[in-house]
Each structure stands twice: as C-alpha cells, then as structure tokens.
C-alpha cells in the first residue's frame, strides 16, 4: 500500500459518493489502518492484486469468509471494504511515473498544532532491515499471528501479549494525555485539565471470545474519573473504543469477594450507555499514525 500517496489522494481528490467531498485527515488515516489490517489478514499487498470490479468482489468474499476466524466484526469488515474500494479508485487515478510508482511526490502535510518537534536520529544501528521498515501496526499483527501459531502447535497455552501498554499508547496519542507513573494508584493517564483515566483493553482471539476486562481495584474510591477501553481483534486491529464515566463503570461492574476486585464486561451495549463516548475513529487514526 502506498500510504502517503493514498492519504494525500483521500484528503485532496477523493470524492465520497453521497457528498462529493474528500475525507478529512483522521478518516484518511482510518482508511489506511483498515487496509493494513486486511493486508495482514489476507496476506496480500494491494499494489500487486487485481483491484478491478471483479478483483474487489473476490477480495470482499474472501474477507467475509475469514472474518469470524480473524476476530473481525461486521463494523470492521464494512469499513475495510469501503477503504478497499477507495484504494481501487486511487490506483485508477494514478499517472504512472517514477515518483508515483514509489509513492513519492505527494504534498507534505504539516504536523498538527502543538505536535512536538522530533529531532532526526543519528545513524541508528538497524539489526534487521525488514523489521525496521515495518510499521508498528504491522509488527503487532505479525506478533499476534506468531502467538496464534505457537498456541496451535502447543508451544504456548495462551495468547497473552502487550495489549495493556499498546492501549495506553493509543489513547495518549489520540487525545494528548500524559501517562501516569507506575506508582499512580487507580489511574493510567491524565489529560491537560487533570482528568484521570483508567485504561483497559481486551484482545478478542476467537469469534465469541470473552469481553471481560482485567480486574478493577478500589472502584468505590473513585481513583479515576473515566474508563477508556479498547477492543482489539486477534491481529491487534482496533475494533471499537469507548470512554465511559466512572458512575457507569461502577454501576455495571460486578464485585468478586475472593479477589476483592470488580469485573467489567465490555459488551456492545456499553457504547449506548448515558455518557458513553464512542472514540473508535480517533483511536484507529492514532494506530495508523504509529
């Protein structure tokens, strides 16, 4: 996928069929994230597959066939298909040239306001060129696939992975939060106003996998103001994300006496609760930008 050129096309020349307007930056990054996820699931490169109407139809059927086993929800599949159709239109619009063939020549976009200036690294040592060129999303997708294969072969018994740290990174990047130190009790991040967030994540590795989040401690003490939670699919793609007020978390959580903790199920109806904020698009965009 020619990510930079595709993003530029989406925000400058692409036309949404019902409005005729191009996409914004966040939606463009979301499209790229969905495409990267499909490439990982189907093990394809969209620059080397048939993207004619017949080819896109074949990809659509293949994606729907594997989506239950890959942990992809209907919402994710539909958004992925929209992104694939947009990429097909992008490839049709290309004027073949050395620059476009390499994904070069797209107009640079300035960083968002307030973004920190990052000094270029000085002659880093790269132990493996292939790994160094792979995006964060791609690395996590590969890591997830390796864990699944090791479990299938009986080498490991679980699919435990760095989901918690990844969730914290995504929310911090998406909303400009500051991650708390390990000594902070009951919360993981704060926003510029001092609002405290407990961040939770669940990676769904099977079609009907559990939605239970890790244990909440000292819930009645209100150590956090909001809970931010993500559902990841089996290859670490963001399926859904939500920010929920503490009152709703406490109301729905279940106390477990023998662990002196509370359990919370991140079922789909959580997104309909009073005060719940669906932040899926923002978190998907943050993942695409890593």
C-alpha atoms as a PDB file:
ATOM      1  CA  UNK A   1       0.000   0.000   0.000  1.00  0.00           C
ATOM      2  CA  UNK A   2       1.282   3.447  -0.937  1.00  0.00           C
ATOM      3  CA  UNK A   3       0.210   5.025   2.336  1.00  0.00           C
ATOM      4  CA  UNK A   4       1.452   8.605   1.885  1.00  0.00           C
ATOM      5  CA  UNK A   5       0.156   8.997  -1.667  1.00  0.00           C
ATOM      6  CA  UNK A   6      -3.167   7.345  -0.745  1.00  0.00           C
ATOM      7  CA  UNK A   7      -3.691   9.645   2.249  1.00  0.00           C
ATOM      8  CA  UNK A   8      -2.974  12.647   0.063  1.00  0.00           C
ATOM      9  CA  UNK A   9      -5.497  11.392  -2.514  1.00  0.00           C
ATOM     10  CA  UNK A  10      -8.180  10.888   0.161  1.00  0.00           C
ATOM     11  CA  UNK A  11      -7.884  14.422   1.564  1.00  0.00           C
ATOM     12  CA  UNK A  12      -7.461  16.225  -1.739  1.00  0.00           C
ATOM     13  CA  UNK A  13      -9.035  14.415  -4.724  1.00  0.00           C
ATOM     14  CA  UNK A  14     -11.195  11.544  -3.424  1.00  0.00           C
ATOM     15  CA  UNK A  15     -14.946  12.147  -3.577  1.00  0.00           C
ATOM     16  CA  UNK A  16     -17.363  10.461  -1.167  1.00  0.00           C
ATOM     17  CA  UNK A  17     -20.160   9.119  -3.326  1.00  0.00           C
ATOM     18  CA  UNK A  18     -23.077  10.676  -1.404  1.00  0.00           C
ATOM     19  CA  UNK A  19     -21.493  14.101  -0.717  1.00  0.00           C
ATOM     20  CA  UNK A  20     -18.826  14.585  -3.387  1.00  0.00           C
ATOM     21  CA  UNK A  21     -16.391  15.829  -0.728  1.00  0.00           C
ATOM     22  CA  UNK A  22     -12.971  14.355   0.138  1.00  0.00           C
ATOM     23  CA  UNK A  23     -12.162  12.803   3.502  1.00  0.00           C
ATOM     24  CA  UNK A  24     -10.546  14.580   6.439  1.00  0.00           C
ATOM     25  CA  UNK A  25      -7.139  13.658   7.827  1.00  0.00           C
ATOM     26  CA  UNK A  26      -8.474  11.379  10.612  1.00  0.00           C
ATOM     27  CA  UNK A  27     -10.749   9.445   8.254  1.00  0.00           C
ATOM     28  CA  UNK A  28      -7.901   9.105   5.746  1.00  0.00           C
ATOM     29  CA  UNK A  29      -5.668   7.582   8.414  1.00  0.00           C
ATOM     30  CA  UNK A  30      -8.522   5.268   9.427  1.00  0.00           C
ATOM     31  CA  UNK A  31      -8.825   4.020   5.829  1.00  0.00           C
ATOM     32  CA  UNK A  32      -5.082   3.277   5.778  1.00  0.00           C
ATOM     33  CA  UNK A  33      -5.362   1.421   9.074  1.00  0.00           C
ATOM     34  CA  UNK A  34      -8.188  -0.764   7.765  1.00  0.00           C
ATOM     35  CA  UNK A  35      -6.235  -1.519   4.583  1.00  0.00           C
ATOM     36  CA  UNK A  36      -3.142  -2.503   6.572  1.00  0.00           C
ATOM     37  CA  UNK A  37      -5.274  -4.829   8.671  1.00  0.00           C
ATOM     38  CA  UNK A  38      -6.761  -6.524   5.596  1.00  0.00           C
ATOM     39  CA  UNK A  39      -3.293  -6.907   4.066  1.00  0.00           C
ATOM     40  CA  UNK A  40      -2.173  -8.676   7.244  1.00  0.00           C
ATOM     41  CA  UNK A  41      -5.263 -10.915   7.468  1.00  0.00           C
ATOM     42  CA  UNK A  42      -5.321 -11.930   3.799  1.00  0.00           C
ATOM     43  CA  UNK A  43      -1.514 -11.765   3.400  1.00  0.00           C
ATOM     44  CA  UNK A  44      -1.758  -9.587   0.310  1.00  0.00           C
ATOM     45  CA  UNK A  45      -0.283  -6.332  -0.940  1.00  0.00           C
ATOM     46  CA  UNK A  46      -2.855  -4.043  -2.528  1.00  0.00           C
ATOM     47  CA  UNK A  47      -0.257  -2.822  -5.004  1.00  0.00           C
ATOM     48  CA  UNK A  48       0.081  -6.310  -6.504  1.00  0.00           C
ATOM     49  CA  UNK A  49      -3.516  -7.628  -6.562  1.00  0.00           C
ATOM     50  CA  UNK A  50      -6.362  -7.224  -9.031  1.00  0.00           C
ATOM     51  CA  UNK A  51      -8.418  -4.186  -7.999  1.00  0.00           C
ATOM     52  CA  UNK A  52     -10.840  -4.302 -10.890  1.00  0.00           C
ATOM     53  CA  UNK A  53     -14.530  -4.643 -10.005  1.00  0.00           C
ATOM     54  CA  UNK A  54     -14.187  -8.433 -10.214  1.00  0.00           C
ATOM     55  CA  UNK A  55     -11.000  -8.401  -8.150  1.00  0.00           C
ATOM     56  CA  UNK A  56     -12.514  -6.251  -5.405  1.00  0.00           C
ATOM     57  CA  UNK A  57     -15.551  -8.532  -5.339  1.00  0.00           C
ATOM     58  CA  UNK A  58     -13.286 -11.560  -4.872  1.00  0.00           C
ATOM     59  CA  UNK A  59     -11.394  -9.823  -2.052  1.00  0.00           C
ATOM     60  CA  UNK A  60     -14.714  -8.915  -0.429  1.00  0.00           C
ATOM     61  CA  UNK A  61     -15.882 -12.535  -0.452  1.00  0.00           C
ATOM     62  CA  UNK A  62     -12.535 -13.736   0.902  1.00  0.00           C
ATOM     63  CA  UNK A  63     -12.527 -11.151   3.695  1.00  0.00           C
ATOM     64  CA  UNK A  64     -16.052 -12.042   4.803  1.00  0.00           C
ATOM     65  CA  UNK A  65     -15.151 -15.722   4.765  1.00  0.00           C
ATOM     66  CA  UNK A  66     -12.157 -15.321   7.093  1.00  0.00           C
ATOM     67  CA  UNK A  67     -13.546 -12.523   9.282  1.00  0.00           C
ATOM     68  CA  UNK A  68     -15.031 -14.797  12.027  1.00  0.00           C
ATOM     69  CA  UNK A  69     -11.741 -16.630  12.497  1.00  0.00           C
ATOM     70  CA  UNK A  70      -9.780 -13.371  12.400  1.00  0.00           C
ATOM     71  CA  UNK A  71     -11.996 -11.748  15.026  1.00  0.00           C
ATOM     72  CA  UNK A  72     -13.222  -9.029  12.645  1.00  0.00           C
ATOM     73  CA  UNK A  73     -16.627  -7.569  13.469  1.00  0.00           C
ATOM     74  CA  UNK A  74     -19.175  -6.657  10.789  1.00  0.00           C
ATOM     75  CA  UNK A  75     -18.402  -2.990  11.503  1.00  0.00           C
ATOM     76  CA  UNK A  76     -14.699  -3.546  10.790  1.00  0.00           C
ATOM     77  CA  UNK A  77     -15.409  -5.584   7.652  1.00  0.00           C
ATOM     78  CA  UNK A  78     -17.711  -2.922   6.199  1.00  0.00           C
ATOM     79  CA  UNK A  79     -15.215  -0.143   6.885  1.00  0.00           C
ATOM     80  CA  UNK A  80     -12.425  -2.247   5.395  1.00  0.00           C
ATOM     81  CA  UNK A  81     -14.419  -2.803   2.213  1.00  0.00           C
ATOM     82  CA  UNK A  82     -15.047   0.937   1.920  1.00  0.00           C
ATOM     83  CA  UNK A  83     -11.294   1.516   2.232  1.00  0.00           C
ATOM     84  CA  UNK A  84     -10.549  -1.158  -0.400  1.00  0.00           C
ATOM     85  CA  UNK A  85     -12.953   0.449  -2.867  1.00  0.00           C
ATOM     86  CA  UNK A  86     -11.327   3.833  -2.226  1.00  0.00           C
ATOM     87  CA  UNK A  87      -7.879   2.330  -2.865  1.00  0.00           C
ATOM     88  CA  UNK A  88      -9.147   0.836  -6.123  1.00  0.00           C
ATOM     89  CA  UNK A  89     -10.286   4.308  -7.211  1.00  0.00           C
ATOM     90  CA  UNK A  90      -6.917   5.699  -6.101  1.00  0.00           C
ATOM     91  CA  UNK A  91      -4.983   3.227  -8.264  1.00  0.00           C
ATOM     92  CA  UNK A  92      -7.180   4.135 -11.242  1.00  0.00           C
ATOM     93  CA  UNK A  93      -6.323   7.808 -10.756  1.00  0.00           C
ATOM     94  CA  UNK A  94      -2.572   7.314 -10.758  1.00  0.00           C
ATOM     95  CA  UNK A  95      -0.467   8.658 -13.586  1.00  0.00           C
ATOM     96  CA  UNK A  96       2.376   6.193 -13.812  1.00  0.00           C
ATOM     97  CA  UNK A  97       5.699   7.881 -13.201  1.00  0.00           C
ATOM     98  CA  UNK A  98       8.825   7.067 -11.220  1.00  0.00           C
ATOM     99  CA  UNK A  99       7.607   9.277  -8.389  1.00  0.00           C
ATOM    100  CA  UNK A 100       4.093   7.870  -8.212  1.00  0.00           C
ATOM    101  CA  UNK A 101       5.297   4.308  -8.612  1.00  0.00           C
ATOM    102  CA  UNK A 102       7.318   4.701  -5.420  1.00  0.00           C
ATOM    103  CA  UNK A 103       4.608   6.536  -3.509  1.00  0.00           C
ATOM    104  CA  UNK A 104       6.576   9.783  -3.794  1.00  0.00           C
ATOM    105  CA  UNK A 105       5.614  13.217  -4.942  1.00  0.00           C
ATOM    106  CA  UNK A 106       2.608  13.712  -2.660  1.00  0.00           C
ATOM    107  CA  UNK A 107       2.356  17.074  -0.994  1.00  0.00           C
ATOM    108  CA  UNK A 108       3.787  17.126   2.549  1.00  0.00           C
ATOM    109  CA  UNK A 109       1.329  17.909   5.287  1.00  0.00           C
ATOM    110  CA  UNK A 110       2.450  19.903   8.338  1.00  0.00           C
ATOM    111  CA  UNK A 111       2.256  18.248  11.761  1.00  0.00           C
ATOM    112  CA  UNK A 112      -0.848  19.033  13.831  1.00  0.00           C
ATOM    113  CA  UNK A 113      -0.730  22.117  16.077  1.00  0.00           C
ATOM    114  CA  UNK A 114       1.171  21.501  19.278  1.00  0.00           C
ATOM    115  CA  UNK A 115       2.907  18.381  17.985  1.00  0.00           C
ATOM    116  CA  UNK A 116       6.415  18.027  19.427  1.00  0.00           C
ATOM    117  CA  UNK A 117       9.365  18.520  17.115  1.00  0.00           C
ATOM    118  CA  UNK A 118      11.303  15.286  16.800  1.00  0.00           C
ATOM    119  CA  UNK A 119      14.988  15.536  16.058  1.00  0.00           C
ATOM    120  CA  UNK A 120      16.227  13.077  13.430  1.00  0.00           C
ATOM    121  CA  UNK A 121      18.019  10.044  14.786  1.00  0.00           C
ATOM    122  CA  UNK A 122      21.770   9.930  14.277  1.00  0.00           C
ATOM    123  CA  UNK A 123      22.972   6.862  12.369  1.00  0.00           C
ATOM    124  CA  UNK A 124      20.877   4.239  14.173  1.00  0.00           C
ATOM    125  CA  UNK A 125      22.039   0.658  14.113  1.00  0.00           C
ATOM    126  CA  UNK A 126      19.391  -1.425  12.320  1.00  0.00           C
ATOM    127  CA  UNK A 127      19.769  -5.121  13.131  1.00  0.00           C
ATOM    128  CA  UNK A 128      17.125  -6.265  10.629  1.00  0.00           C
ATOM    129  CA  UNK A 129      16.130  -4.075   7.633  1.00  0.00           C
ATOM    130  CA  UNK A 130      12.791  -5.862   7.156  1.00  0.00           C
ATOM    131  CA  UNK A 131      11.730  -5.253  10.750  1.00  0.00           C
ATOM    132  CA  UNK A 132      12.947  -1.670  10.631  1.00  0.00           C
ATOM    133  CA  UNK A 133      10.736  -0.903   7.607  1.00  0.00           C
ATOM    134  CA  UNK A 134       7.597  -2.447   9.122  1.00  0.00           C
ATOM    135  CA  UNK A 135       5.008  -0.175  10.761  1.00  0.00           C
ATOM    136  CA  UNK A 136       4.013  -0.580  14.413  1.00  0.00           C
ATOM    137  CA  UNK A 137       0.651  -1.943  13.301  1.00  0.00           C
ATOM    138  CA  UNK A 138       2.366  -4.425  11.013  1.00  0.00           C
ATOM    139  CA  UNK A 139       4.762  -5.567  13.733  1.00  0.00           C
ATOM    140  CA  UNK A 140       1.901  -6.160  16.175  1.00  0.00           C
ATOM    141  CA  UNK A 141      -0.118  -8.010  13.538  1.00  0.00           C
ATOM    142  CA  UNK A 142       2.844 -10.297  12.863  1.00  0.00           C
ATOM    143  CA  UNK A 143       3.413 -10.774  16.584  1.00  0.00           C
ATOM    144  CA  UNK A 144      -0.235 -11.786  17.024  1.00  0.00           C
ATOM    145  CA  UNK A 145      -0.047 -14.258  14.136  1.00  0.00           C
ATOM    146  CA  UNK A 146       3.091 -15.823  15.635  1.00  0.00           C
ATOM    147  CA  UNK A 147       1.415 -16.198  19.034  1.00  0.00           C
ATOM    148  CA  UNK A 148      -1.590 -17.888  17.431  1.00  0.00           C
ATOM    149  CA  UNK A 149       0.625 -20.346  15.542  1.00  0.00           C
ATOM    150  CA  UNK A 150       2.654 -21.131  18.664  1.00  0.00           C
ATOM    151  CA  UNK A 151      -0.566 -21.811  20.554  1.00  0.00           C
ATOM    152  CA  UNK A 152      -1.846 -24.048  17.711  1.00  0.00           C
ATOM    153  CA  UNK A 153       1.387 -26.023  17.875  1.00  0.00           C
ATOM    154  CA  UNK A 154       1.118 -26.376  21.655  1.00  0.00           C
ATOM    155  CA  UNK A 155       4.225 -24.309  22.341  1.00  0.00           C
ATOM    156  CA  UNK A 156       2.288 -21.767  24.423  1.00  0.00           C
ATOM    157  CA  UNK A 157      -1.066 -22.149  26.150  1.00  0.00           C
ATOM    158  CA  UNK A 158      -2.365 -18.575  25.987  1.00  0.00           C
ATOM    159  CA  UNK A 159      -2.348 -15.575  23.668  1.00  0.00           C
ATOM    160  CA  UNK A 160      -1.073 -13.143  26.278  1.00  0.00           C
ATOM    161  CA  UNK A 161       0.567 -10.090  24.679  1.00  0.00           C
ATOM    162  CA  UNK A 162       1.401  -6.415  25.357  1.00  0.00           C
ATOM    163  CA  UNK A 163      -2.194  -5.231  24.928  1.00  0.00           C
ATOM    164  CA  UNK A 164      -2.229  -3.007  28.011  1.00  0.00           C
ATOM    165  CA  UNK A 165       0.796  -0.943  27.047  1.00  0.00           C
ATOM    166  CA  UNK A 166      -0.449  -0.658  23.463  1.00  0.00           C
ATOM    167  CA  UNK A 167      -3.862   0.611  24.621  1.00  0.00           C
ATOM    168  CA  UNK A 168      -2.238   3.252  26.812  1.00  0.00           C
ATOM    169  CA  UNK A 169      -0.063   4.410  23.925  1.00  0.00           C
ATOM    170  CA  UNK A 170      -3.064   4.669  21.567  1.00  0.00           C
ATOM    171  CA  UNK A 171      -5.188   6.733  23.949  1.00  0.00           C
ATOM    172  CA  UNK A 172      -2.294   9.003  24.880  1.00  0.00           C
ATOM    173  CA  UNK A 173      -1.527   9.657  21.208  1.00  0.00           C
ATOM    174  CA  UNK A 174      -5.177  10.088  20.218  1.00  0.00           C
ATOM    175  CA  UNK A 175      -6.045  12.644  22.913  1.00  0.00           C
ATOM    176  CA  UNK A 176      -2.768  14.113  24.111  1.00  0.00           C
ATOM    177  CA  UNK A 177      -2.941  12.507  27.547  1.00  0.00           C
ATOM    178  CA  UNK A 178       0.066  12.127  29.821  1.00  0.00           C
ATOM    179  CA  UNK A 179       0.670   8.581  31.002  1.00  0.00           C
ATOM    180  CA  UNK A 180       0.932   8.187  34.755  1.00  0.00           C
ATOM    181  CA  UNK A 181       3.897   6.632  36.519  1.00  0.00           C
ATOM    182  CA  UNK A 182       3.748   3.057  37.772  1.00  0.00           C
ATOM    183  CA  UNK A 183       3.293   4.363  41.310  1.00  0.00           C
ATOM    184  CA  UNK A 184      -0.009   6.092  40.466  1.00  0.00           C
ATOM    185  CA  UNK A 185      -2.918   4.303  42.144  1.00  0.00           C
ATOM    186  CA  UNK A 186      -6.079   3.573  40.219  1.00  0.00           C
ATOM    187  CA  UNK A 187      -5.475   5.522  37.006  1.00  0.00           C
ATOM    188  CA  UNK A 188      -3.206   5.317  33.981  1.00  0.00           C
ATOM    189  CA  UNK A 189      -3.293   8.769  32.346  1.00  0.00           C
ATOM    190  CA  UNK A 190      -4.398  12.373  32.827  1.00  0.00           C
ATOM    191  CA  UNK A 191      -5.481  14.976  30.305  1.00  0.00           C
ATOM    192  CA  UNK A 192      -4.307  18.626  30.360  1.00  0.00           C
ATOM    193  CA  UNK A 193      -7.190  19.511  32.708  1.00  0.00           C
ATOM    194  CA  UNK A 194      -6.156  16.875  35.238  1.00  0.00           C
ATOM    195  CA  UNK A 195      -8.973  14.440  34.436  1.00  0.00           C
ATOM    196  CA  UNK A 196      -7.897  10.914  35.347  1.00  0.00           C
ATOM    197  CA  UNK A 197      -8.387   7.899  33.074  1.00  0.00           C
ATOM    198  CA  UNK A 198      -8.203   4.201  33.798  1.00  0.00           C
ATOM    199  CA  UNK A 199      -7.235   2.463  30.538  1.00  0.00           C
ATOM    200  CA  UNK A 200      -8.341  -1.081  29.788  1.00  0.00           C
ATOM    201  CA  UNK A 201      -8.042  -3.346  26.786  1.00  0.00           C
ATOM    202  CA  UNK A 202      -9.305  -6.713  25.638  1.00  0.00           C
ATOM    203  CA  UNK A 203      -7.915  -8.620  22.655  1.00  0.00           C
ATOM    204  CA  UNK A 204     -10.526 -10.920  21.105  1.00  0.00           C
ATOM    205  CA  UNK A 205      -8.786 -14.010  19.731  1.00  0.00           C
ATOM    206  CA  UNK A 206     -11.918 -16.052  18.951  1.00  0.00           C
ATOM    207  CA  UNK A 207     -15.259 -15.100  17.344  1.00  0.00           C
ATOM    208  CA  UNK A 208     -17.103 -15.433  20.651  1.00  0.00           C
ATOM    209  CA  UNK A 209     -14.211 -14.503  22.907  1.00  0.00           C
ATOM    210  CA  UNK A 210     -14.730 -13.058  26.359  1.00  0.00           C
ATOM    211  CA  UNK A 211     -15.260  -9.300  26.704  1.00  0.00           C
ATOM    212  CA  UNK A 212     -14.148  -9.303  30.350  1.00  0.00           C
ATOM    213  CA  UNK A 213     -11.614  -6.597  31.212  1.00  0.00           C
ATOM    214  CA  UNK A 214      -8.866  -7.055  33.766  1.00  0.00           C
ATOM    215  CA  UNK A 215      -9.782  -6.504  37.400  1.00  0.00           C
ATOM    216  CA  UNK A 216     -10.623  -3.035  38.715  1.00  0.00           C
ATOM    217  CA  UNK A 217      -9.315  -2.220  42.185  1.00  0.00           C
ATOM    218  CA  UNK A 218     -10.768   0.182  44.791  1.00  0.00           C
ATOM    219  CA  UNK A 219     -13.613   1.087  42.450  1.00  0.00           C
ATOM    220  CA  UNK A 220     -15.813   2.851  45.066  1.00  0.00           C
ATOM    221  CA  UNK A 221     -12.863   5.109  45.987  1.00  0.00           C
ATOM    222  CA  UNK A 222     -13.213   6.793  42.570  1.00  0.00           C
ATOM    223  CA  UNK A 223      -9.495   6.773  41.807  1.00  0.00           C
ATOM    224  CA  UNK A 224     -10.314   7.643  38.187  1.00  0.00           C
ATOM    225  CA  UNK A 225     -12.888   9.875  36.501  1.00  0.00           C
ATOM    226  CA  UNK A 226     -13.354   7.929  33.270  1.00  0.00           C
ATOM    227  CA  UNK A 227     -12.524   4.482  31.980  1.00  0.00           C
ATOM    228  CA  UNK A 228     -11.080   4.351  28.437  1.00  0.00           C
ATOM    229  CA  UNK A 229     -11.351   0.904  26.885  1.00  0.00           C
ATOM    230  CA  UNK A 230     -10.472  -0.761  23.588  1.00  0.00           C
ATOM    231  CA  UNK A 231     -11.460  -4.000  21.917  1.00  0.00           C
ATOM    232  CA  UNK A 232      -8.656  -5.332  19.705  1.00  0.00           C
ATOM    233  CA  UNK A 233      -9.029  -8.113  17.163  1.00  0.00           C
ATOM    234  CA  UNK A 234      -6.654 -11.050  17.023  1.00  0.00           C
ATOM    235  CA  UNK A 235      -4.080  -9.140  14.930  1.00  0.00           C
ATOM    236  CA  UNK A 236      -4.213  -6.044  17.159  1.00  0.00           C
ATOM    237  CA  UNK A 237      -6.539  -4.019  14.948  1.00  0.00           C
ATOM    238  CA  UNK A 238      -8.806  -1.600  16.807  1.00  0.00           C
ATOM    239  CA  UNK A 239     -12.368  -2.944  16.617  1.00  0.00           C
ATOM    240  CA  UNK A 240     -14.066  -0.471  18.968  1.00  0.00           C
ATOM    241  CA  UNK A 241     -13.074   2.064  21.621  1.00  0.00           C
ATOM    242  CA  UNK A 242     -15.086   3.928  24.242  1.00  0.00           C
ATOM    243  CA  UNK A 243     -14.677   6.415  27.080  1.00  0.00           C
ATOM    244  CA  UNK A 244     -17.114   5.795  29.946  1.00  0.00           C
ATOM    245  CA  UNK A 245     -17.840   7.859  33.100  1.00  0.00           C
ATOM    246  CA  UNK A 246     -16.866   6.326  36.419  1.00  0.00           C
ATOM    247  CA  UNK A 247     -20.501   6.246  37.556  1.00  0.00           C
ATOM    248  CA  UNK A 248     -21.466   3.959  34.683  1.00  0.00           C
ATOM    249  CA  UNK A 249     -18.461   1.718  35.311  1.00  0.00           C
ATOM    250  CA  UNK A 250     -19.341   1.349  38.989  1.00  0.00           C
ATOM    251  CA  UNK A 251     -22.998   0.730  38.192  1.00  0.00           C
ATOM    252  CA  UNK A 252     -22.238  -2.155  35.821  1.00  0.00           C
ATOM    253  CA  UNK A 253     -19.172  -3.709  37.434  1.00  0.00           C
ATOM    254  CA  UNK A 254     -19.536  -6.902  39.490  1.00  0.00           C
ATOM    255  CA  UNK A 255     -17.739  -7.317  42.826  1.00  0.00           C
ATOM    256  CA  UNK A 256     -15.723 -10.514  43.298  1.00  0.00           C
ATOM    257  CA  UNK A 257     -15.198 -11.112  47.004  1.00  0.00           C
ATOM    258  CA  UNK A 258     -12.351 -13.610  46.899  1.00  0.00           C
ATOM    259  CA  UNK A 259     -10.177 -11.233  44.827  1.00  0.00           C
ATOM    260  CA  UNK A 260     -11.556  -8.055  46.411  1.00  0.00           C
ATOM    261  CA  UNK A 261     -11.937  -6.539  42.949  1.00  0.00           C
ATOM    262  CA  UNK A 262     -14.575  -5.611  40.375  1.00  0.00           C
ATOM    263  CA  UNK A 263     -15.053  -7.134  36.914  1.00  0.00           C
ATOM    264  CA  UNK A 264     -16.448  -5.282  33.926  1.00  0.00           C
ATOM    265  CA  UNK A 265     -17.729  -6.780  30.672  1.00  0.00           C
ATOM    266  CA  UNK A 266     -17.109  -4.596  27.617  1.00  0.00           C
ATOM    267  CA  UNK A 267     -20.190  -5.768  25.707  1.00  0.00           C
ATOM    268  CA  UNK A 268     -21.604  -3.865  22.727  1.00  0.00           C
ATOM    269  CA  UNK A 269     -24.378  -2.224  24.757  1.00  0.00           C
ATOM    270  CA  UNK A 270     -21.739  -0.292  26.736  1.00  0.00           C
ATOM    271  CA  UNK A 271     -21.499   2.123  23.785  1.00  0.00           C
ATOM    272  CA  UNK A 272     -25.194   3.041  24.284  1.00  0.00           C
ATOM    273  CA  UNK A 273     -24.913   3.898  27.983  1.00  0.00           C
ATOM    274  CA  UNK A 274     -25.551   7.501  29.143  1.00  0.00           C
ATOM    275  CA  UNK A 275     -22.329   9.488  28.942  1.00  0.00           C
ATOM    276  CA  UNK A 276     -20.519   6.872  26.820  1.00  0.00           C
ATOM    277  CA  UNK A 277     -18.362   8.356  24.057  1.00  0.00           C
ATOM    278  CA  UNK A 278     -17.514   6.263  21.004  1.00  0.00           C
ATOM    279  CA  UNK A 279     -13.905   7.133  20.145  1.00  0.00           C
ATOM    280  CA  UNK A 280     -13.206   4.320  17.687  1.00  0.00           C
ATOM    281  CA  UNK A 281     -12.278   6.625  14.813  1.00  0.00           C
ATOM    282  CA  UNK A 282      -9.846   8.634  16.928  1.00  0.00           C
ATOM    283  CA  UNK A 283      -8.096   5.525  18.239  1.00  0.00           C
ATOM    284  CA  UNK A 284      -7.957   3.905  14.779  1.00  0.00           C
ATOM    285  CA  UNK A 285      -6.330   7.084  13.460  1.00  0.00           C
ATOM    286  CA  UNK A 286      -3.787   7.018  16.314  1.00  0.00           C
ATOM    287  CA  UNK A 287      -2.917   3.407  15.454  1.00  0.00           C
ATOM    288  CA  UNK A 288      -2.449   4.306  11.789  1.00  0.00           C
ATOM    289  CA  UNK A 289      -0.098   7.160  12.714  1.00  0.00           C
ATOM    290  CA  UNK A 290       2.283   4.999  14.770  1.00  0.00           C
END
